Amino acid sequence: MDSSFEKQVVSEAPALLARLLEMPEDLVELRPGAKGSGPDFVISAGEHTFHVESKSSSARAPLILALSKLRERRGDRKKDVIPLLVVPYMGETGRRLCEEHELAWLDLSGNAHIKAPGLLIIVEGKPNRFKSAGRPANIFAPKSSRIVRQFLIQPDRALNQRELSQAADLGEGYTSRIIRRFEETGLIVRDDKGLLKPKDPAQLLDAWYEAYDFVRHRIIKGHVAARPGEELLQKTAGLLEKHAPGHAATGLGAAWLYSHFANFRLATFYLPNAPQNELFNALGLREDEKGANTWLVVPNDEGVFHGSEVREGIRCVHAVQVYLDLKDHPERSTEAASRLRQDYLKWRQDA
């Protein structure tokens, strides 16, 4: 946990809880939790006891880690203890996540949602006291995501940093910096030999999915004369094999090649380079966003091709990349993503 935020929790959380509970501050006591697997803090407030897990950000990655810790301690917790997540400011993503898991939370900006036997506190609309200039760094930026992809391609294998840098085609110094940031979130852990692996591959994928934005790639939408579905996929892939070697299918067509689930109309392909008129002519592609049945995508990082494989004669990106890309596809993309995850990305909790 961020030590500066830890100090803020110690200095501000008791008084804030006292106001919310409408009781004198001297009846609210904060003490450090037990070292190791215990909560960060324990707050006693009259007849209520809170086990506090504090995070310096309400982004999905740190909140998933907090939820994991709270689940691990569930069996050891007394019935009258209230688990409480404390952050600087709870954004919309964090609110939805806490609501989904029925987790009480409090932010140091003054907002709260605490629901427990005999207790209901809801405060909304307080402004973010912790806004910083500029956009926060994204640990799932295109280049750093190459490392995440390697962990998820082989989640059962512990890797050292050199292996990761080579597999991801990144410098060792850059890899070391990114790994350190992922370790700080708790999404990546190191064993006693110094080897690295995801704490929980499913949580790592969830955090990446939340941050991922397919539309940040360059997407060219058009129409190719072919029956929708498999015929379109096969025809386009065959022509790309001649005119754009190194391409790979993604989206609904690739999901179908993996699981044969759900008919589809749209075929999507990543290209290794920006397409020229020669390729459009070979495909007979007419740019038309409204009637598009084909998306040609120039990726914002070549890492999307890592882990690609040939399925039924068509090169596809790895199932992890297909799952991410389905987030911003039409038709039955949500169902296709669920099936893909069930068949190919359903990892053990202890993987």
Protein backbone atom coordinates (compact mmCIF):
# COMPACT_ATOMS: atom_id res chain seq x y z
CA MET A 1 0.00 0.00 0.00
CA ASP A 2 1.14 3.58 -0.68
CA SER A 3 2.66 4.84 2.60
CA SER A 4 1.44 8.42 2.05
CA PHE A 5 -2.13 7.19 1.56
CA GLU A 6 -1.74 4.94 4.60
CA LYS A 7 -1.01 8.04 6.67
CA GLN A 8 -4.10 9.76 5.27
CA VAL A 9 -6.28 6.78 6.18
CA VAL A 10 -4.94 6.87 9.74
CA SER A 11 -5.49 10.61 10.09
CA GLU A 12 -8.83 11.00 8.25
CA ALA A 13 -10.83 7.76 8.23
CA PRO A 14 -11.80 7.70 11.95
CA ALA A 15 -13.17 11.26 11.91
CA LEU A 16 -15.01 10.63 8.65
CA LEU A 17 -16.61 7.45 9.99
CA ALA A 18 -17.56 9.27 13.19
CA ARG A 19 -19.45 11.90 11.19
CA LEU A 20 -21.20 9.27 9.06
CA LEU A 21 -22.19 7.28 12.16
CA GLU A 22 -23.14 10.49 14.01
CA MET A 23 -21.03 9.72 17.04
CA PRO A 24 -18.23 11.52 18.92
CA GLU A 25 -14.77 11.06 17.40
CA ASP A 26 -13.37 9.75 20.68
CA LEU A 27 -15.60 6.68 20.32
CA VAL A 28 -13.91 5.73 17.04
CA GLU A 29 -10.56 3.98 17.36
CA LEU A 30 -8.23 2.85 14.57
CA ARG A 31 -5.43 0.35 15.07
CA PRO A 32 -3.16 -1.53 12.63
CA GLY A 33 -4.34 -4.96 11.53
CA ALA A 34 -2.40 -8.13 12.20
CA LYS A 35 0.67 -8.49 10.01
CA GLY A 36 0.54 -11.01 7.19
CA SER A 37 -2.94 -12.04 6.18
CA GLY A 38 -4.89 -9.63 8.39
CA PRO A 39 -6.65 -6.40 7.35
CA ASP A 40 -4.68 -3.19 6.90
CA PHE A 41 -6.57 -1.59 9.81
CA VAL A 42 -9.26 -2.38 12.34
CA ILE A 43 -11.66 0.42 13.25
CA SER A 44 -13.89 0.15 16.29
CA ALA A 45 -16.81 2.57 16.27
CA GLY A 46 -19.27 2.00 19.09
CA GLU A 47 -20.95 -1.35 18.46
CA HIS A 48 -19.47 -1.63 14.95
CA THR A 49 -16.12 -3.14 13.99
CA PHE A 50 -14.66 -2.57 10.53
CA HIS A 51 -11.86 -4.56 8.91
CA VAL A 52 -10.33 -2.07 6.52
CA GLU A 53 -8.61 -2.87 3.24
CA SER A 54 -7.15 0.34 1.83
CA LYS A 55 -6.05 1.05 -1.74
CA SER A 56 -4.58 4.26 -3.13
CA SER A 57 -6.61 3.90 -6.34
CA SER A 58 -10.12 2.76 -7.24
CA ALA A 59 -8.99 1.37 -10.60
CA ARG A 60 -10.09 -2.17 -11.29
CA ALA A 61 -6.67 -3.81 -10.85
CA PRO A 62 -6.07 -2.79 -7.20
CA LEU A 63 -9.73 -3.30 -6.29
CA ILE A 64 -9.68 -6.85 -7.62
CA LEU A 65 -6.66 -7.49 -5.40
CA ALA A 66 -8.51 -6.07 -2.39
CA LEU A 67 -11.55 -8.24 -3.12
CA SER A 68 -9.31 -11.29 -3.36
CA LYS A 69 -7.82 -10.57 0.07
CA LEU A 70 -11.24 -10.04 1.60
CA ARG A 71 -12.47 -13.35 0.15
CA GLU A 72 -9.43 -15.14 1.59
CA ARG A 73 -10.25 -13.82 5.06
CA ARG A 74 -13.98 -14.49 4.88
CA GLY A 75 -13.84 -17.74 6.86
CA ASP A 76 -11.77 -16.19 9.66
CA ARG A 77 -13.99 -13.15 10.15
CA LYS A 78 -16.50 -12.83 12.95
CA LYS A 79 -20.11 -12.40 11.88
CA ASP A 80 -20.44 -8.90 13.33
CA VAL A 81 -17.32 -7.56 11.56
CA ILE A 82 -17.90 -5.32 8.51
CA PRO A 83 -15.32 -5.53 5.70
CA LEU A 84 -14.67 -1.99 4.47
CA LEU A 85 -12.73 -0.81 1.44
CA VAL A 86 -11.18 2.66 1.74
CA VAL A 87 -9.88 4.61 -1.28
CA PRO A 88 -9.14 8.29 -2.01
CA TYR A 89 -12.09 8.60 -4.42
CA MET A 90 -14.39 5.85 -5.68
CA GLY A 91 -14.90 6.13 -9.43
CA GLU A 92 -17.76 4.63 -11.41
CA THR A 93 -15.86 1.44 -12.26
CA GLY A 94 -15.06 0.84 -8.62
CA ARG A 95 -18.63 1.54 -7.55
CA ARG A 96 -19.97 -1.06 -9.96
CA LEU A 97 -17.41 -3.62 -8.83
CA CYS A 98 -18.20 -3.09 -5.15
CA GLU A 99 -21.92 -3.24 -5.82
CA GLU A 100 -21.46 -6.50 -7.75
CA HIS A 101 -19.60 -8.05 -4.80
CA GLU A 102 -21.74 -6.38 -2.09
CA LEU A 103 -18.69 -4.75 -0.53
CA ALA A 104 -18.96 -1.72 1.74
CA TRP A 105 -16.72 1.19 0.82
CA LEU A 106 -15.71 4.65 1.96
CA ASP A 107 -13.63 7.24 0.17
CA LEU A 108 -11.67 10.03 1.79
CA SER A 109 -13.51 12.51 -0.43
CA GLY A 110 -16.61 11.89 1.72
CA ASN A 111 -18.62 9.40 -0.34
CA ALA A 112 -19.68 6.05 1.09
CA HIS A 113 -21.85 3.01 0.57
CA ILE A 114 -21.98 0.90 3.74
CA LYS A 115 -24.72 -1.68 4.10
CA ALA A 116 -24.65 -4.14 6.99
CA PRO A 117 -27.09 -5.53 9.59
CA GLY A 118 -28.58 -2.51 11.37
CA LEU A 119 -26.54 -0.05 9.31
CA LEU A 120 -27.13 1.77 6.02
CA ILE A 121 -24.99 4.73 4.95
CA ILE A 122 -25.10 6.10 1.41
CA VAL A 123 -23.37 9.37 0.53
CA GLU A 124 -22.92 10.39 -3.10
CA GLY A 125 -21.88 13.45 -5.08
CA LYS A 126 -18.85 14.60 -3.10
CA PRO A 127 -16.15 15.84 -5.52
CA ASN A 128 -12.81 14.10 -5.93
CA ARG A 129 -10.31 15.70 -3.55
CA PHE A 130 -7.43 13.80 -5.12
CA LYS A 131 -7.51 14.85 -8.76
CA SER A 132 -4.04 15.05 -10.21
CA ALA A 133 -2.89 16.89 -13.30
CA GLY A 134 -2.56 14.75 -16.41
CA ARG A 135 -3.77 11.28 -17.13
CA PRO A 136 -2.69 8.47 -14.79
CA ALA A 137 -0.26 5.96 -16.25
CA ASN A 138 -1.96 2.90 -17.70
CA ILE A 139 -0.19 -0.33 -16.77
CA PHE A 140 -2.12 -1.97 -19.61
CA ALA A 141 -0.77 0.36 -22.29
CA PRO A 142 -0.17 -1.43 -25.63
CA LYS A 143 3.55 -2.05 -25.15
CA SER A 144 3.42 -3.10 -21.49
CA SER A 145 0.48 -5.38 -22.30
CA ARG A 146 2.88 -7.61 -24.18
CA ILE A 147 4.05 -8.84 -20.78
CA VAL A 148 0.50 -9.50 -19.58
CA ARG A 149 -0.19 -11.43 -22.76
CA GLN A 150 2.80 -13.71 -22.13
CA PHE A 151 1.60 -14.47 -18.60
CA LEU A 152 -1.86 -15.37 -19.90
CA ILE A 153 -0.63 -17.41 -22.86
CA GLN A 154 1.21 -19.71 -20.43
CA PRO A 155 -0.36 -19.04 -17.00
CA ASP A 156 0.85 -22.27 -15.39
CA ARG A 157 4.49 -21.51 -16.07
CA ALA A 158 6.61 -19.35 -13.78
CA LEU A 159 8.94 -17.10 -15.82
CA ASN A 160 12.00 -15.05 -15.09
CA GLN A 161 12.39 -11.50 -16.37
CA ARG A 162 14.80 -12.44 -19.14
CA GLU A 163 12.38 -15.03 -20.51
CA LEU A 164 9.58 -12.46 -20.38
CA SER A 165 11.60 -9.77 -22.13
CA GLN A 166 12.57 -12.19 -24.91
CA ALA A 167 9.06 -13.58 -25.38
CA ALA A 168 7.54 -10.09 -25.39
CA ASP A 169 10.36 -8.65 -27.55
CA LEU A 170 11.07 -5.91 -25.00
CA GLY A 171 14.27 -4.62 -23.45
CA GLU A 172 15.20 -6.10 -20.07
CA GLY A 173 15.24 -2.68 -18.38
CA TYR A 174 11.75 -1.82 -19.62
CA THR A 175 10.50 -5.28 -18.65
CA SER A 176 11.91 -4.87 -15.14
CA ARG A 177 10.12 -1.53 -14.67
CA ILE A 178 6.78 -2.88 -15.89
CA ILE A 179 7.05 -6.03 -13.77
CA ARG A 180 7.68 -3.88 -10.71
CA ARG A 181 4.49 -1.93 -11.37
CA PHE A 182 2.46 -5.11 -11.78
CA GLU A 183 3.93 -6.53 -8.57
CA GLU A 184 2.82 -3.38 -6.75
CA THR A 185 -0.78 -4.09 -7.79
CA GLY A 186 -0.50 -7.67 -6.55
CA LEU A 187 -1.64 -9.05 -9.91
CA ILE A 188 1.81 -10.58 -10.49
CA VAL A 189 3.68 -12.42 -7.72
CA ARG A 190 7.22 -13.72 -7.35
CA ASP A 191 8.06 -17.09 -5.82
CA ASP A 192 11.00 -17.89 -3.53
CA LYS A 193 13.19 -18.51 -6.59
CA GLY A 194 12.38 -15.09 -8.02
CA LEU A 195 10.19 -16.50 -10.79
CA LEU A 196 7.03 -14.62 -11.78
CA LYS A 197 3.46 -15.68 -12.50
CA PRO A 198 -0.06 -14.25 -12.14
CA LYS A 199 -1.54 -14.41 -8.65
CA ASP A 200 -4.81 -15.28 -10.38
CA PRO A 201 -4.88 -15.33 -14.22
CA ALA A 202 -8.64 -14.66 -14.27
CA GLN A 203 -8.20 -11.49 -12.21
CA LEU A 204 -5.34 -10.35 -14.43
CA LEU A 205 -7.52 -10.83 -17.52
CA ASP A 206 -10.42 -8.99 -15.85
CA ALA A 207 -8.18 -6.02 -15.05
CA TRP A 208 -6.81 -5.90 -18.60
CA TYR A 209 -10.28 -6.23 -20.10
CA GLU A 210 -11.48 -3.26 -18.05
CA ALA A 211 -8.64 -1.07 -19.35
CA TYR A 212 -8.65 -2.37 -22.95
CA ASP A 213 -10.02 -0.20 -25.76
CA PHE A 214 -10.23 -1.84 -29.18
CA VAL A 215 -11.07 1.43 -30.92
CA ARG A 216 -7.57 2.75 -30.17
CA HIS A 217 -6.40 0.61 -33.08
CA ARG A 218 -6.90 2.00 -36.58
CA ILE A 219 -10.04 0.28 -37.91
CA ILE A 220 -10.99 0.39 -41.60
CA LYS A 221 -14.59 -0.69 -42.10
CA GLY A 222 -15.86 -1.86 -45.44
CA HIS A 223 -17.88 -4.37 -47.42
CA VAL A 224 -16.61 -7.44 -49.30
CA ALA A 225 -18.90 -9.30 -51.70
CA ALA A 226 -19.40 -12.70 -50.04
CA ARG A 227 -22.01 -14.49 -48.02
CA PRO A 228 -21.72 -13.53 -44.37
CA GLY A 229 -19.97 -15.86 -41.96
CA GLU A 230 -17.62 -18.68 -42.87
CA GLU A 231 -17.54 -17.95 -46.62
CA LEU A 232 -16.55 -14.32 -45.99
CA LEU A 233 -13.93 -15.39 -43.43
CA GLN A 234 -12.37 -17.98 -45.75
CA LYS A 235 -12.41 -15.72 -48.81
CA THR A 236 -10.86 -12.75 -47.03
CA ALA A 237 -8.25 -14.86 -45.26
CA GLY A 238 -7.22 -16.48 -48.56
CA LEU A 239 -6.75 -13.13 -50.28
CA LEU A 240 -4.86 -11.70 -47.28
CA GLU A 241 -2.53 -14.70 -47.36
CA LYS A 242 -1.40 -13.53 -50.81
CA HIS A 243 -1.49 -9.78 -50.32
CA ALA A 244 -0.90 -9.22 -46.57
CA PRO A 245 1.12 -12.13 -45.14
CA GLY A 246 1.42 -11.89 -41.38
CA HIS A 247 -2.28 -11.01 -40.90
CA ALA A 248 -4.42 -12.69 -38.22
CA ALA A 249 -8.16 -12.99 -37.66
CA THR A 250 -9.80 -11.71 -34.48
CA GLY A 251 -13.29 -10.81 -33.28
CA LEU A 252 -16.36 -12.86 -34.13
CA GLY A 253 -14.76 -14.86 -36.94
CA ALA A 254 -11.81 -15.92 -34.81
CA ALA A 255 -14.12 -16.75 -31.90
CA TRP A 256 -16.07 -19.01 -34.27
CA LEU A 257 -12.86 -20.76 -35.34
CA TYR A 258 -12.04 -21.42 -31.70
CA SER A 259 -15.44 -22.57 -30.46
CA HIS A 260 -17.85 -22.80 -33.44
CA PHE A 261 -20.32 -20.86 -31.32
CA ALA A 262 -22.84 -18.45 -32.87
CA ASN A 263 -23.20 -17.49 -36.51
CA PHE A 264 -21.58 -14.20 -37.45
CA ARG A 265 -21.71 -11.60 -40.19
CA LEU A 266 -18.56 -9.56 -39.47
CA ALA A 267 -15.01 -10.72 -40.24
CA THR A 268 -12.15 -8.84 -38.58
CA PHE A 269 -8.45 -9.11 -39.39
CA TYR A 270 -5.32 -7.50 -37.99
CA LEU A 271 -2.85 -6.42 -40.68
CA PRO A 272 0.94 -6.20 -40.22
CA ASN A 273 1.06 -2.89 -42.15
CA ALA A 274 -1.29 -0.12 -43.23
CA PRO A 275 -3.27 -1.31 -46.29
CA GLN A 276 -2.81 0.27 -49.70
CA ASN A 277 -5.22 0.55 -52.63
CA GLU A 278 -3.77 -2.64 -54.10
CA LEU A 279 -5.10 -4.62 -51.14
CA PHE A 280 -8.52 -2.95 -51.28
CA ASN A 281 -8.74 -3.82 -54.98
CA ALA A 282 -7.72 -7.44 -54.39
CA LEU A 283 -10.37 -7.84 -51.71
CA GLY A 284 -12.96 -5.88 -53.63
CA LEU A 285 -13.46 -3.95 -50.41
CA ARG A 286 -15.68 -0.89 -50.56
CA GLU A 287 -15.28 1.38 -47.55
CA ASP A 288 -18.73 1.66 -45.97
CA GLU A 289 -19.08 1.96 -42.22
CA LYS A 290 -22.85 1.41 -42.06
CA GLY A 291 -22.96 -1.69 -44.25
CA ALA A 292 -19.56 -3.06 -43.24
CA ASN A 293 -19.05 -6.80 -43.04
CA THR A 294 -15.23 -6.61 -42.92
CA TRP A 295 -12.93 -4.72 -40.55
CA LEU A 296 -9.25 -4.39 -41.39
CA VAL A 297 -7.32 -3.34 -38.30
CA VAL A 298 -3.87 -1.78 -38.09
CA PRO A 299 -2.83 -2.50 -34.47
CA ASN A 300 -1.35 0.11 -32.17
CA ASP A 301 1.28 -2.46 -31.16
CA GLU A 302 2.58 -5.59 -32.87
CA GLY A 303 2.10 -7.52 -29.61
CA VAL A 304 -1.43 -8.41 -30.76
CA PHE A 305 0.16 -11.06 -33.00
CA HIS A 306 2.05 -12.78 -30.17
CA GLY A 307 0.70 -16.28 -29.55
CA SER A 308 -1.12 -16.43 -32.91
CA GLU A 309 -1.96 -19.87 -34.26
CA VAL A 310 -3.53 -21.45 -37.34
CA ARG A 311 -7.02 -22.83 -36.87
CA GLU A 312 -8.78 -24.56 -39.76
CA GLY A 313 -6.26 -23.05 -42.16
CA ILE A 314 -6.72 -19.46 -40.93
CA ARG A 315 -4.22 -17.64 -38.76
CA CYS A 316 -5.88 -16.25 -35.61
CA VAL A 317 -4.61 -14.16 -32.75
CA HIS A 318 -4.44 -15.91 -29.39
CA ALA A 319 -7.73 -16.57 -27.59
CA VAL A 320 -6.80 -13.93 -24.99
CA GLN A 321 -6.59 -11.25 -27.70
CA VAL A 322 -9.82 -12.44 -29.33
CA TYR A 323 -11.59 -12.18 -25.97
CA LEU A 324 -10.37 -8.60 -25.47
CA ASP A 325 -11.33 -7.52 -28.98
CA LEU A 326 -14.87 -8.92 -28.67
CA LYS A 327 -15.50 -6.23 -26.05
CA ASP A 328 -16.09 -3.69 -28.84
CA HIS A 329 -17.70 -5.90 -31.48
CA PRO A 330 -21.39 -6.02 -32.46
CA GLU A 331 -23.77 -8.96 -32.98
CA ARG A 332 -23.49 -11.78 -30.40
CA SER A 333 -20.03 -10.73 -29.24
CA THR A 334 -20.87 -10.88 -25.52
CA GLU A 335 -22.09 -14.47 -25.81
CA ALA A 336 -19.13 -15.40 -28.01
CA ALA A 337 -16.73 -13.95 -25.44
CA SER A 338 -18.38 -15.90 -22.62
CA ARG A 339 -18.10 -19.13 -24.58
CA LEU A 340 -14.47 -18.45 -25.49
CA ARG A 341 -13.62 -17.80 -21.86
CA GLN A 342 -15.42 -20.93 -20.74
CA ASP A 343 -13.64 -23.12 -23.29
CA TYR A 344 -10.14 -21.63 -23.39
CA LEU A 345 -9.62 -19.09 -20.59
CA LYS A 346 -11.13 -20.81 -17.56
CA TRP A 347 -8.14 -21.05 -15.24
CA ARG A 348 -7.88 -22.52 -11.81
CA GLN A 349 -7.88 -20.02 -8.94
CA ASP A 350 -4.46 -21.27 -7.88
CA ALA A 351 -3.02 -21.43 -11.39
